[in-house]
Amino acid sequence: MVRGEATGLPLLADGKG
């Protein structure tokens, strides 16, 4: 799964950080 930063989606970004 790509990181939120890569996709630009805040939802996935939250999972990253």
Protein backbone atom coordinates (compact mmCIF):
# COMPACT_ATOMS: atom_id res chain seq x y z
CA MET A 1 0.00 0.00 0.00
CA VAL A 2 1.31 3.42 -0.98
CA ARG A 3 1.75 6.04 1.70
CA GLY A 4 -0.69 8.93 2.12
CA GLU A 5 1.99 11.36 1.03
CA ALA A 6 2.41 9.46 -2.24
CA THR A 7 -1.31 9.41 -2.99
CA GLY A 8 -1.97 12.87 -1.61
CA LEU A 9 -4.92 11.63 0.45
CA PRO A 10 -5.18 12.94 4.04
CA LEU A 11 -6.80 9.67 5.12
CA LEU A 12 -3.78 7.61 4.12
CA ALA A 13 -1.48 10.40 5.28
CA ASP A 14 -2.89 9.97 8.78
CA GLY A 15 -1.95 6.29 8.68
CA LYS A 16 1.56 7.22 7.60
CA GLY A 17 2.23 9.74 10.34
